[in-house]
Amino acid sequence: MMAWANAAALELTVASGEAHFWSRSRSELWHKGGSSGNVQRVVALRLDCDHDVVLMEVEPAGPACHTGAVSCFRDEANGGASLALGAHDEPQA
């Protein structure tokens, strides 16, 4: 799955050993699986080369996706073809 995390979410993740994230739609921290029981125990945290992305390697206690699917990434994009960008997503020259 892909989710947002701020400093507070990362601090809770490190302290608890379970994944915490920042909900942009609700403007609040959330503990993954806090209500469903589908927690994600953190095995490793890895930073990208710019240190602006954190990859959490986890052992899930259940599905990651809110739909009940194991993964949120299950739909192929246009049969592998490039995606059309929306007007607000157009690359700038």
PDB file of N, CA and C in Angstrom:
ATOM      1  N   MET A   1       0.839  -1.175   0.000  1.00  0.00           N
ATOM      2  CA  MET A   1       0.000   0.000   0.000  1.00  0.00           C
ATOM      3  C   MET A   1       0.881   1.233   0.000  1.00  0.00           C
ATOM      4  N   MET A   2       0.320   2.373  -0.281  1.00  0.00           N
ATOM      5  CA  MET A   2       1.027   3.642  -0.226  1.00  0.00           C
ATOM      6  C   MET A   2       0.257   4.531   0.730  1.00  0.00           C
ATOM      7  N   ALA A   3       0.977   5.180   1.631  1.00  0.00           N
ATOM      8  CA  ALA A   3       0.329   6.082   2.571  1.00  0.00           C
ATOM      9  C   ALA A   3       1.282   7.209   2.930  1.00  0.00           C
ATOM     10  N   TRP A   4       0.741   8.273   3.455  1.00  0.00           N
ATOM     11  CA  TRP A   4       1.525   9.425   3.890  1.00  0.00           C
ATOM     12  C   TRP A   4       1.934   9.250   5.335  1.00  0.00           C
ATOM     13  N   ALA A   5       3.076   9.795   5.684  1.00  0.00           N
ATOM     14  CA  ALA A   5       3.520   9.803   7.080  1.00  0.00           C
ATOM     15  C   ALA A   5       4.202  11.135   7.349  1.00  0.00           C
ATOM     16  N   ASN A   6       3.938  11.691   8.520  1.00  0.00           N
ATOM     17  CA  ASN A   6       4.657  12.886   8.937  1.00  0.00           C
ATOM     18  C   ASN A   6       5.610  12.489  10.061  1.00  0.00           C
ATOM     19  N   ALA A   7       6.301  13.452  10.648  1.00  0.00           N
ATOM     20  CA  ALA A   7       7.273  13.148  11.692  1.00  0.00           C
ATOM     21  C   ALA A   7       6.617  12.442  12.875  1.00  0.00           C
ATOM     22  N   ALA A   8       5.430  12.887  13.269  1.00  0.00           N
ATOM     23  CA  ALA A   8       4.741  12.265  14.406  1.00  0.00           C
ATOM     24  C   ALA A   8       4.393  10.810  14.109  1.00  0.00           C
ATOM     25  N   ALA A   9       3.941  10.523  12.883  1.00  0.00           N
ATOM     26  CA  ALA A   9       3.605   9.148  12.501  1.00  0.00           C
ATOM     27  C   ALA A   9       4.845   8.269  12.524  1.00  0.00           C
ATOM     28  N   LEU A  10       5.954   8.790  12.037  1.00  0.00           N
ATOM     29  CA  LEU A  10       7.188   8.009  12.039  1.00  0.00           C
ATOM     30  C   LEU A  10       7.695   7.779  13.456  1.00  0.00           C
ATOM     31  N   GLU A  11       7.563   8.776  14.328  1.00  0.00           N
ATOM     32  CA  GLU A  11       7.972   8.603  15.721  1.00  0.00           C
ATOM     33  C   GLU A  11       7.144   7.506  16.399  1.00  0.00           C
ATOM     34  N   LEU A  12       5.826   7.508  16.164  1.00  0.00           N
ATOM     35  CA  LEU A  12       4.957   6.466  16.734  1.00  0.00           C
ATOM     36  C   LEU A  12       5.298   5.096  16.154  1.00  0.00           C
ATOM     37  N   THR A  13       5.624   5.053  14.877  1.00  0.00           N
ATOM     38  CA  THR A  13       5.997   3.797  14.232  1.00  0.00           C
ATOM     39  C   THR A  13       7.242   3.210  14.884  1.00  0.00           C
ATOM     40  N   VAL A  14       8.258   4.033  15.053  1.00  0.00           N
ATOM     41  CA  VAL A  14       9.508   3.563  15.663  1.00  0.00           C
ATOM     42  C   VAL A  14       9.271   3.145  17.112  1.00  0.00           C
ATOM     43  N   ALA A  15       8.515   3.941  17.862  1.00  0.00           N
ATOM     44  CA  ALA A  15       8.279   3.658  19.285  1.00  0.00           C
ATOM     45  C   ALA A  15       7.456   2.397  19.507  1.00  0.00           C
ATOM     46  N   SER A  16       6.458   2.167  18.647  1.00  0.00           N
ATOM     47  CA  SER A  16       5.534   1.046  18.851  1.00  0.00           C
ATOM     48  C   SER A  16       5.919  -0.214  18.084  1.00  0.00           C
ATOM     49  N   GLY A  17       6.684  -0.047  16.984  1.00  0.00           N
ATOM     50  CA  GLY A  17       7.014  -1.186  16.135  1.00  0.00           C
ATOM     51  C   GLY A  17       5.892  -1.561  15.188  1.00  0.00           C
ATOM     52  N   GLU A  18       4.834  -0.733  15.145  1.00  0.00           N
ATOM     53  CA  GLU A  18       3.718  -0.955  14.223  1.00  0.00           C
ATOM     54  C   GLU A  18       3.508   0.301  13.388  1.00  0.00           C
ATOM     55  N   ALA A  19       3.033   0.118  12.149  1.00  0.00           N
ATOM     56  CA  ALA A  19       2.889   1.215  11.198  1.00  0.00           C
ATOM     57  C   ALA A  19       1.836   2.231  11.630  1.00  0.00           C
ATOM     58  N   HIS A  20       2.230   3.494  11.595  1.00  0.00           N
ATOM     59  CA  HIS A  20       1.346   4.634  11.816  1.00  0.00           C
ATOM     60  C   HIS A  20       1.500   5.566  10.619  1.00  0.00           C
ATOM     61  N   PHE A  21       0.434   6.234  10.250  1.00  0.00           N
ATOM     62  CA  PHE A  21       0.433   7.098   9.074  1.00  0.00           C
ATOM     63  C   PHE A  21      -0.297   8.401   9.372  1.00  0.00           C
ATOM     64  N   TRP A  22      -0.257   9.319   8.411  1.00  0.00           N
ATOM     65  CA  TRP A  22      -0.980  10.573   8.488  1.00  0.00           C
ATOM     66  C   TRP A  22      -2.091  10.542   7.451  1.00  0.00           C
ATOM     67  N   SER A  23      -3.328  10.710   7.896  1.00  0.00           N
ATOM     68  CA  SER A  23      -4.464  10.764   6.981  1.00  0.00           C
ATOM     69  C   SER A  23      -4.641  12.195   6.502  1.00  0.00           C
ATOM     70  N   ARG A  24      -4.399  12.424   5.229  1.00  0.00           N
ATOM     71  CA  ARG A  24      -4.580  13.768   4.678  1.00  0.00           C
ATOM     72  C   ARG A  24      -6.054  14.133   4.602  1.00  0.00           C
ATOM     73  N   SER A  25      -6.923  13.175   4.353  1.00  0.00           N
ATOM     74  CA  SER A  25      -8.354  13.485   4.235  1.00  0.00           C
ATOM     75  C   SER A  25      -8.986  13.799   5.591  1.00  0.00           C
ATOM     76  N   ARG A  26      -8.507  13.149   6.658  1.00  0.00           N
ATOM     77  CA  ARG A  26      -9.068  13.380   8.000  1.00  0.00           C
ATOM     78  C   ARG A  26      -8.196  14.301   8.841  1.00  0.00           C
ATOM     79  N   SER A  27      -7.027  14.632   8.337  1.00  0.00           N
ATOM     80  CA  SER A  27      -6.059  15.468   9.067  1.00  0.00           C
ATOM     81  C   SER A  27      -5.793  14.928  10.466  1.00  0.00           C
ATOM     82  N   GLU A  28      -5.457  13.623  10.514  1.00  0.00           N
ATOM     83  CA  GLU A  28      -5.145  13.005  11.800  1.00  0.00           C
ATOM     84  C   GLU A  28      -4.223  11.812  11.611  1.00  0.00           C
ATOM     85  N   LEU A  29      -3.526  11.464  12.682  1.00  0.00           N
ATOM     86  CA  LEU A  29      -2.694  10.261  12.683  1.00  0.00           C
ATOM     87  C   LEU A  29      -3.592   9.044  12.712  1.00  0.00           C
ATOM     88  N   TRP A  30      -3.143   7.956  12.102  1.00  0.00           N
ATOM     89  CA  TRP A  30      -3.873   6.697  12.232  1.00  0.00           C
ATOM     90  C   TRP A  30      -2.918   5.529  12.346  1.00  0.00           C
ATOM     91  N   HIS A  31      -3.295   4.614  13.216  1.00  0.00           N
ATOM     92  CA  HIS A  31      -2.551   3.379  13.468  1.00  0.00           C
ATOM     93  C   HIS A  31      -3.142   2.340  12.540  1.00  0.00           C
ATOM     94  N   LYS A  32      -2.359   1.872  11.578  1.00  0.00           N
ATOM     95  CA  LYS A  32      -2.850   0.880  10.621  1.00  0.00           C
ATOM     96  C   LYS A  32      -3.333  -0.351  11.379  1.00  0.00           C
ATOM     97  N   GLY A  33      -4.600  -0.688  11.202  1.00  0.00           N
ATOM     98  CA  GLY A  33      -5.186  -1.843  11.862  1.00  0.00           C
ATOM     99  C   GLY A  33      -5.705  -1.555  13.256  1.00  0.00           C
ATOM    100  N   GLY A  34      -5.656  -0.292  13.684  1.00  0.00           N
ATOM    101  CA  GLY A  34      -6.129   0.062  15.014  1.00  0.00           C
ATOM    102  C   GLY A  34      -7.575  -0.324  15.259  1.00  0.00           C
ATOM    103  N   SER A  35      -8.420  -0.227  14.249  1.00  0.00           N
ATOM    104  CA  SER A  35      -9.824  -0.613  14.416  1.00  0.00           C
ATOM    105  C   SER A  35     -10.128  -1.972  13.784  1.00  0.00           C
ATOM    106  N   SER A  36      -9.428  -2.336  12.710  1.00  0.00           N
ATOM    107  CA  SER A  36      -9.708  -3.600  12.015  1.00  0.00           C
ATOM    108  C   SER A  36      -8.943  -4.784  12.586  1.00  0.00           C
ATOM    109  N   GLY A  37      -7.832  -4.490  13.284  1.00  0.00           N
ATOM    110  CA  GLY A  37      -6.967  -5.564  13.759  1.00  0.00           C
ATOM    111  C   GLY A  37      -5.904  -5.960  12.753  1.00  0.00           C
ATOM    112  N   ASN A  38      -5.951  -5.372  11.550  1.00  0.00           N
ATOM    113  CA  ASN A  38      -4.983  -5.692  10.495  1.00  0.00           C
ATOM    114  C   ASN A  38      -3.728  -4.829  10.634  1.00  0.00           C
ATOM    115  N   VAL A  39      -3.075  -4.942  11.789  1.00  0.00           N
ATOM    116  CA  VAL A  39      -1.883  -4.140  12.044  1.00  0.00           C
ATOM    117  C   VAL A  39      -0.730  -4.600  11.168  1.00  0.00           C
ATOM    118  N   GLN A  40       0.249  -3.724  11.040  1.00  0.00           N
ATOM    119  CA  GLN A  40       1.447  -4.031  10.268  1.00  0.00           C
ATOM    120  C   GLN A  40       2.648  -3.876  11.203  1.00  0.00           C
ATOM    121  N   ARG A  41       3.261  -5.012  11.558  1.00  0.00           N
ATOM    122  CA  ARG A  41       4.454  -4.984  12.409  1.00  0.00           C
ATOM    123  C   ARG A  41       5.649  -4.634  11.530  1.00  0.00           C
ATOM    124  N   VAL A  42       6.369  -3.591  11.923  1.00  0.00           N
ATOM    125  CA  VAL A  42       7.477  -3.091  11.112  1.00  0.00           C
ATOM    126  C   VAL A  42       8.713  -3.966  11.304  1.00  0.00           C
ATOM    127  N   VAL A  43       9.233  -4.468  10.185  1.00  0.00           N
ATOM    128  CA  VAL A  43      10.443  -5.282  10.166  1.00  0.00           C
ATOM    129  C   VAL A  43      11.653  -4.399   9.879  1.00  0.00           C
ATOM    130  N   ALA A  44      11.487  -3.426   8.958  1.00  0.00           N
ATOM    131  CA  ALA A  44      12.591  -2.532   8.592  1.00  0.00           C
ATOM    132  C   ALA A  44      12.029  -1.236   8.035  1.00  0.00           C
ATOM    133  N   LEU A  45      12.764  -0.153   8.248  1.00  0.00           N
ATOM    134  CA  LEU A  45      12.481   1.139   7.632  1.00  0.00           C
ATOM    135  C   LEU A  45      13.673   1.477   6.747  1.00  0.00           C
ATOM    136  N   ARG A  46      13.408   1.818   5.493  1.00  0.00           N
ATOM    137  CA  ARG A  46      14.481   2.140   4.555  1.00  0.00           C
ATOM    138  C   ARG A  46      14.213   3.514   3.947  1.00  0.00           C
ATOM    139  N   LEU A  47      15.267   4.304   3.800  1.00  0.00           N
ATOM    140  CA  LEU A  47      15.166   5.624   3.193  1.00  0.00           C
ATOM    141  C   LEU A  47      15.674   5.580   1.762  1.00  0.00           C
ATOM    142  N   ASP A  48      15.067   6.400   0.888  1.00  0.00           N
ATOM    143  CA  ASP A  48      15.600   6.512  -0.465  1.00  0.00           C
ATOM    144  C   ASP A  48      16.838   7.405  -0.436  1.00  0.00           C
ATOM    145  N   CYS A  49      17.484   7.574  -1.571  1.00  0.00           N
ATOM    146  CA  CYS A  49      18.749   8.304  -1.627  1.00  0.00           C
ATOM    147  C   CYS A  49      18.616   9.772  -1.247  1.00  0.00           C
ATOM    148  N   ASP A  50      17.437  10.362  -1.410  1.00  0.00           N
ATOM    149  CA  ASP A  50      17.212  11.759  -1.037  1.00  0.00           C
ATOM    150  C   ASP A  50      16.678  11.918   0.380  1.00  0.00           C
ATOM    151  N   HIS A  51      16.391  10.806   1.025  1.00  0.00           N
ATOM    152  CA  HIS A  51      15.827  10.795   2.385  1.00  0.00           C
ATOM    153  C   HIS A  51      14.491  11.526   2.462  1.00  0.00           C
ATOM    154  N   ASP A  52      13.688  11.417   1.376  1.00  0.00           N
ATOM    155  CA  ASP A  52      12.352  12.013   1.418  1.00  0.00           C
ATOM    156  C   ASP A  52      11.243  10.981   1.205  1.00  0.00           C
ATOM    157  N   VAL A  53      11.627   9.716   1.141  1.00  0.00           N
ATOM    158  CA  VAL A  53      10.668   8.615   1.053  1.00  0.00           C
ATOM    159  C   VAL A  53      11.115   7.526   2.019  1.00  0.00           C
ATOM    160  N   VAL A  54      10.141   6.989   2.764  1.00  0.00           N
ATOM    161  CA  VAL A  54      10.423   5.889   3.689  1.00  0.00           C
ATOM    162  C   VAL A  54       9.669   4.664   3.195  1.00  0.00           C
ATOM    163  N   LEU A  55      10.388   3.579   3.038  1.00  0.00           N
ATOM    164  CA  LEU A  55       9.777   2.300   2.686  1.00  0.00           C
ATOM    165  C   LEU A  55       9.698   1.478   3.959  1.00  0.00           C
ATOM    166  N   MET A  56       8.486   1.072   4.330  1.00  0.00           N
ATOM    167  CA  MET A  56       8.305   0.229   5.512  1.00  0.00           C
ATOM    168  C   MET A  56       8.151  -1.216   5.068  1.00  0.00           C
ATOM    169  N   GLU A  57       9.044  -2.059   5.528  1.00  0.00           N
ATOM    170  CA  GLU A  57       8.895  -3.492   5.311  1.00  0.00           C
ATOM    171  C   GLU A  57       8.125  -3.996   6.522  1.00  0.00           C
ATOM    172  N   VAL A  58       6.989  -4.638   6.280  1.00  0.00           N
ATOM    173  CA  VAL A  58       6.109  -5.027   7.386  1.00  0.00           C
ATOM    174  C   VAL A  58       5.692  -6.486   7.293  1.00  0.00           C
ATOM    175  N   GLU A  59       5.260  -7.014   8.432  1.00  0.00           N
ATOM    176  CA  GLU A  59       4.575  -8.299   8.491  1.00  0.00           C
ATOM    177  C   GLU A  59       3.126  -7.972   8.825  1.00  0.00           C
ATOM    178  N   PRO A  60       2.226  -8.113   7.843  1.00  0.00           N
ATOM    179  CA  PRO A  60       0.833  -7.746   8.063  1.00  0.00           C
ATOM    180  C   PRO A  60       0.058  -8.815   8.828  1.00  0.00           C
ATOM    181  N   ALA A  61      -0.876  -8.353   9.652  1.00  0.00           N
ATOM    182  CA  ALA A  61      -1.753  -9.267  10.378  1.00  0.00           C
ATOM    183  C   ALA A  61      -3.044  -9.507   9.607  1.00  0.00           C
ATOM    184  N   GLY A  62      -3.134  -8.967   8.419  1.00  0.00           N
ATOM    185  CA  GLY A  62      -4.324  -9.115   7.577  1.00  0.00           C
ATOM    186  C   GLY A  62      -4.139  -8.285   6.325  1.00  0.00           C
ATOM    187  N   PRO A  63      -5.220  -8.096   5.568  1.00  0.00           N
ATOM    188  CA  PRO A  63      -5.134  -7.351   4.317  1.00  0.00           C
ATOM    189  C   PRO A  63      -4.670  -5.911   4.536  1.00  0.00           C
ATOM    190  N   ALA A  64      -3.955  -5.372   3.559  1.00  0.00           N
ATOM    191  CA  ALA A  64      -3.493  -3.985   3.630  1.00  0.00           C
ATOM    192  C   ALA A  64      -4.551  -3.009   3.125  1.00  0.00           C
ATOM    193  N   CYS A  65      -5.311  -3.412   2.133  1.00  0.00           N
ATOM    194  CA  CYS A  65      -6.261  -2.514   1.478  1.00  0.00           C
ATOM    195  C   CYS A  65      -7.578  -2.418   2.251  1.00  0.00           C
ATOM    196  N   HIS A  66      -8.161  -1.217   2.236  1.00  0.00           N
ATOM    197  CA  HIS A  66      -9.450  -1.015   2.904  1.00  0.00           C
ATOM    198  C   HIS A  66     -10.582  -1.816   2.255  1.00  0.00           C
ATOM    199  N   THR A  67     -10.345  -2.324   1.020  1.00  0.00           N
ATOM    200  CA  THR A  67     -11.359  -3.133   0.342  1.00  0.00           C
ATOM    201  C   THR A  67     -11.344  -4.586   0.809  1.00  0.00           C
ATOM    202  N   GLY A  68     -10.307  -4.940   1.603  1.00  0.00           N
ATOM    203  CA  GLY A  68     -10.152  -6.322   2.044  1.00  0.00           C
ATOM    204  C   GLY A  68      -9.165  -7.103   1.197  1.00  0.00           C
ATOM    205  N   ALA A  69      -8.649  -6.471   0.134  1.00  0.00           N
ATOM    206  CA  ALA A  69      -7.650  -7.122  -0.720  1.00  0.00           C
ATOM    207  C   ALA A  69      -6.294  -7.122  -0.010  1.00  0.00           C
ATOM    208  N   VAL A  70      -5.490  -8.120  -0.312  1.00  0.00           N
ATOM    209  CA  VAL A  70      -4.168  -8.231   0.288  1.00  0.00           C
ATOM    210  C   VAL A  70      -3.332  -6.990  -0.016  1.00  0.00           C
ATOM    211  N   SER A  71      -3.417  -6.482  -1.236  1.00  0.00           N
ATOM    212  CA  SER A  71      -2.640  -5.319  -1.665  1.00  0.00           C
ATOM    213  C   SER A  71      -3.559  -4.285  -2.295  1.00  0.00           C
ATOM    214  N   CYS A  72      -3.213  -3.026  -2.142  1.00  0.00           N
ATOM    215  CA  CYS A  72      -3.939  -1.955  -2.823  1.00  0.00           C
ATOM    216  C   CYS A  72      -3.560  -1.900  -4.304  1.00  0.00           C
ATOM    217  N   PHE A  73      -2.429  -2.500  -4.661  1.00  0.00           N
ATOM    218  CA  PHE A  73      -1.912  -2.445  -6.027  1.00  0.00           C
ATOM    219  C   PHE A  73      -2.193  -3.764  -6.737  1.00  0.00           C
ATOM    220  N   ARG A  74      -3.374  -3.849  -7.305  1.00  0.00           N
ATOM    221  CA  ARG A  74      -3.766  -5.073  -7.984  1.00  0.00           C
ATOM    222  C   ARG A  74      -4.297  -4.829  -9.392  1.00  0.00           C
ATOM    223  N   ASP A  75      -4.576  -3.566  -9.718  1.00  0.00           N
ATOM    224  CA  ASP A  75      -5.124  -3.231 -11.034  1.00  0.00           C
ATOM    225  C   ASP A  75      -4.001  -2.826 -11.976  1.00  0.00           C
ATOM    226  N   GLU A  76      -3.981  -3.457 -13.154  1.00  0.00           N
ATOM    227  CA  GLU A  76      -2.977  -3.091 -14.141  1.00  0.00           C
ATOM    228  C   GLU A  76      -3.404  -1.804 -14.826  1.00  0.00           C
ATOM    229  N   ALA A  77      -2.468  -0.908 -15.065  1.00  0.00           N
ATOM    230  CA  ALA A  77      -2.757   0.383 -15.678  1.00  0.00           C
ATOM    231  C   ALA A  77      -2.763   0.265 -17.193  1.00  0.00           C
ATOM    232  N   ASN A  78      -3.947   0.372 -17.792  1.00  0.00           N
ATOM    233  CA  ASN A  78      -4.081   0.357 -19.254  1.00  0.00           C
ATOM    234  C   ASN A  78      -3.341  -0.798 -19.910  1.00  0.00           C
ATOM    235  N   GLY A  79      -3.383  -1.960 -19.315  1.00  0.00           N
ATOM    236  CA  GLY A  79      -2.694  -3.100 -19.896  1.00  0.00           C
ATOM    237  C   GLY A  79      -1.198  -2.872 -20.019  1.00  0.00           C
ATOM    238  N   GLY A  80      -0.655  -2.028 -19.159  1.00  0.00           N
ATOM    239  CA  GLY A  80       0.772  -1.751 -19.194  1.00  0.00           C
ATOM    240  C   GLY A  80       1.128  -0.518 -19.994  1.00  0.00           C
ATOM    241  N   ALA A  81       0.159   0.056 -20.712  1.00  0.00           N
ATOM    242  CA  ALA A  81       0.426   1.262 -21.500  1.00  0.00           C
ATOM    243  C   ALA A  81       0.562   2.460 -20.566  1.00  0.00           C
ATOM    244  N   SER A  82       1.126   3.529 -21.060  1.00  0.00           N
ATOM    245  CA  SER A  82       1.271   4.722 -20.227  1.00  0.00           C
ATOM    246  C   SER A  82      -0.097   5.299 -19.901  1.00  0.00           C
ATOM    247  N   LEU A  83      -0.184   5.917 -18.733  1.00  0.00           N
ATOM    248  CA  LEU A  83      -1.433   6.517 -18.291  1.00  0.00           C
ATOM    249  C   LEU A  83      -1.586   7.905 -18.867  1.00  0.00           C
ATOM    250  N   ALA A  84      -2.820   8.277 -19.171  1.00  0.00           N
ATOM    251  CA  ALA A  84      -3.085   9.647 -19.611  1.00  0.00           C
ATOM    252  C   ALA A  84      -3.050  10.547 -18.385  1.00  0.00           C
ATOM    253  N   LEU A  85      -2.394  11.685 -18.506  1.00  0.00           N
ATOM    254  CA  LEU A  85      -2.311  12.617 -17.400  1.00  0.00           C
ATOM    255  C   LEU A  85      -3.496  13.569 -17.441  1.00  0.00           C
ATOM    256  N   GLY A  86      -4.010  13.911 -16.263  1.00  0.00           N
ATOM    257  CA  GLY A  86      -5.056  14.926 -16.186  1.00  0.00           C
ATOM    258  C   GLY A  86      -4.457  16.288 -16.470  1.00  0.00           C
ATOM    259  N   ALA A  87      -5.279  17.265 -16.746  1.00  0.00           N
ATOM    260  CA  ALA A  87      -4.810  18.602 -17.096  1.00  0.00           C
ATOM    261  C   ALA A  87      -3.922  19.193 -16.005  1.00  0.00           C
ATOM    262  N   HIS A  88      -4.261  18.942 -14.738  1.00  0.00           N
ATOM    263  CA  HIS A  88      -3.469  19.498 -13.643  1.00  0.00           C
ATOM    264  C   HIS A  88      -2.186  18.715 -13.415  1.00  0.00           C
ATOM    265  N   ASP A  89      -2.038  17.570 -14.059  1.00  0.00           N
ATOM    266  CA  ASP A  89      -0.847  16.750 -13.895  1.00  0.00           C
ATOM    267  C   ASP A  89       0.124  16.874 -15.058  1.00  0.00           C
ATOM    268  N   GLU A  90      -0.188  17.735 -16.030  1.00  0.00           N
ATOM    269  CA  GLU A  90       0.663  17.846 -17.205  1.00  0.00           C
ATOM    270  C   GLU A  90       2.070  18.262 -16.822  1.00  0.00           C
ATOM    271  N   PRO A  91       3.075  17.571 -17.352  1.00  0.00           N
ATOM    272  CA  PRO A  91       4.450  17.969 -17.071  1.00  0.00           C
ATOM    273  C   PRO A  91       4.728  19.361 -17.627  1.00  0.00           C
ATOM    274  N   GLN A  92       5.521  20.120 -16.916  1.00  0.00           N
ATOM    275  CA  GLN A  92       5.901  21.471 -17.357  1.00  0.00           C
ATOM    276  C   GLN A  92       7.214  21.396 -18.121  1.00  0.00           C
ATOM    277  N   ALA A  93       7.295  22.131 -19.205  1.00  0.00           N
ATOM    278  CA  ALA A  93       8.511  22.153 -20.023  1.00  0.00           C
ATOM    279  C   ALA A  93       9.576  23.012 -19.394  1.00  0.00           C
TER     280      ALA A  93
END
